[in-house]
Amino acid sequence: MMKGQLAGLMKQAQAMQDNLKRAQEELGNIEVEGQSGAGLVKVTMTCKHDVKRVTIDPSLLADDKDMLEDLVAAAFNDAVRRAEEVSQEKMGKLTAGMPLPPGMKFPF
């Protein structure tokens, strides 16, 4: 490999690393909302899984504690799923065209 080609590859690798770092920071600012019980329980979190808000409709507070706990868990899981989808979409745009070994996905 020629010296110039190696330098070019190193530049590309550095640019990719910078872009990935910037995208990771952006994911910390993107919020997603998970819901359960037809929107009676909502969990808002960042794409880095930092929970920002949990909203419970007042009508549920008089109901069964076990049901409420199940709805909170379901809303949390929905929010995690949405955060993963947004993260994969955002990171996928950066890594498109970059050959990765089978089974390897960004972010690591």
Protein backbone atom coordinates (compact mmCIF):
# COMPACT_ATOMS: atom_id res chain seq x y z
CA MET A 1 0.00 0.00 0.00
CA MET A 2 1.34 3.39 -0.93
CA LYS A 3 2.09 5.96 1.74
CA GLY A 4 -0.52 8.35 0.31
CA GLN A 5 -3.21 5.68 0.35
CA LEU A 6 -2.47 4.86 3.98
CA ALA A 7 -2.64 8.54 4.91
CA GLY A 8 -5.98 8.79 3.11
CA LEU A 9 -7.34 5.79 4.98
CA MET A 10 -6.19 7.25 8.28
CA LYS A 11 -7.94 10.53 7.45
CA GLN A 12 -11.15 8.66 6.61
CA ALA A 13 -10.94 6.66 9.83
CA GLN A 14 -10.47 9.85 11.86
CA ALA A 15 -13.40 11.53 10.11
CA MET A 16 -15.58 8.46 10.77
CA GLN A 17 -14.57 8.48 14.43
CA ASP A 18 -15.40 12.19 14.72
CA ASN A 19 -18.78 11.65 13.03
CA LEU A 20 -19.61 8.70 15.29
CA LYS A 21 -18.72 10.71 18.40
CA ARG A 22 -20.90 13.60 17.23
CA ALA A 23 -23.78 11.22 16.48
CA GLN A 24 -23.47 9.62 19.94
CA GLU A 25 -23.69 13.09 21.52
CA GLU A 26 -26.75 13.91 19.40
CA LEU A 27 -28.44 10.69 20.54
CA GLY A 28 -28.19 11.98 24.10
CA ASN A 29 -30.38 14.93 23.08
CA ILE A 30 -33.00 13.03 21.07
CA GLU A 31 -36.04 12.06 23.13
CA VAL A 32 -38.44 9.22 22.38
CA GLU A 33 -41.69 8.33 24.09
CA GLY A 34 -42.92 4.86 24.93
CA GLN A 35 -46.54 4.24 25.81
CA SER A 36 -48.78 1.56 27.20
CA GLY A 37 -52.44 1.26 28.13
CA ALA A 38 -53.48 3.30 25.08
CA GLY A 39 -51.32 6.22 26.23
CA LEU A 40 -52.34 6.14 29.90
CA VAL A 41 -48.71 5.51 30.89
CA LYS A 42 -45.88 7.28 29.06
CA VAL A 43 -42.12 7.09 29.50
CA THR A 44 -39.91 9.70 27.84
CA MET A 45 -36.20 8.95 27.52
CA THR A 46 -33.21 9.92 25.46
CA CYS A 47 -31.73 7.55 22.91
CA LYS A 48 -29.00 6.94 25.48
CA HIS A 49 -31.69 5.47 27.77
CA ASP A 50 -31.78 8.35 30.28
CA VAL A 51 -35.38 8.50 31.52
CA LYS A 52 -36.63 12.10 31.52
CA ARG A 53 -40.31 11.69 32.46
CA VAL A 54 -42.83 9.10 33.55
CA THR A 55 -46.44 10.21 33.12
CA ILE A 56 -49.30 8.23 34.65
CA ASP A 57 -52.91 9.14 33.94
CA PRO A 58 -54.64 9.94 37.26
CA SER A 59 -57.41 7.46 36.47
CA LEU A 60 -54.89 4.63 36.97
CA LEU A 61 -53.91 5.66 40.48
CA ALA A 62 -57.06 4.18 41.99
CA ASP A 63 -56.62 0.92 40.04
CA ASP A 64 -54.77 -2.26 40.77
CA LYS A 65 -51.13 -1.69 41.76
CA ASP A 66 -49.93 -4.76 39.83
CA MET A 67 -51.62 -3.55 36.65
CA LEU A 68 -50.04 -0.11 37.02
CA GLU A 69 -46.60 -1.66 37.51
CA ASP A 70 -47.11 -3.79 34.38
CA LEU A 71 -48.13 -0.72 32.37
CA VAL A 72 -45.07 1.23 33.54
CA ALA A 73 -42.79 -1.67 32.60
CA ALA A 74 -44.47 -1.98 29.18
CA ALA A 75 -44.13 1.77 28.52
CA PHE A 76 -40.47 1.66 29.55
CA ASN A 77 -39.81 -1.29 27.22
CA ASP A 78 -41.60 0.51 24.38
CA ALA A 79 -39.42 3.59 24.94
CA VAL A 80 -36.25 1.44 24.91
CA ARG A 81 -37.35 -0.18 21.63
CA ARG A 82 -38.00 3.24 20.07
CA ALA A 83 -34.64 4.57 21.29
CA GLU A 84 -32.87 1.58 19.74
CA GLU A 85 -34.69 2.12 16.42
CA VAL A 86 -33.70 5.80 16.29
CA SER A 87 -30.11 4.98 17.30
CA GLN A 88 -29.76 2.29 14.64
CA GLU A 89 -31.23 4.58 11.99
CA LYS A 90 -28.92 7.47 12.90
CA MET A 91 -25.79 5.32 13.18
CA GLY A 92 -26.73 3.34 10.07
CA LYS A 93 -26.58 6.53 8.01
CA LEU A 94 -23.00 7.08 9.14
CA THR A 95 -21.85 3.54 8.51
CA ALA A 96 -23.64 3.01 5.18
CA GLY A 97 -21.19 1.67 2.65
CA MET A 98 -18.63 0.78 5.29
CA PRO A 99 -17.86 -2.93 5.09
CA LEU A 100 -18.29 -4.61 8.47
CA PRO A 101 -17.70 -8.23 9.38
CA PRO A 102 -20.90 -10.36 9.47
CA GLY A 103 -22.88 -9.83 12.66
CA MET A 104 -21.11 -6.61 13.61
CA LYS A 105 -23.33 -3.54 13.97
CA PHE A 106 -22.84 0.07 15.00
CA PRO A 107 -22.90 1.36 17.63
CA PHE A 108 -20.72 -1.24 19.33
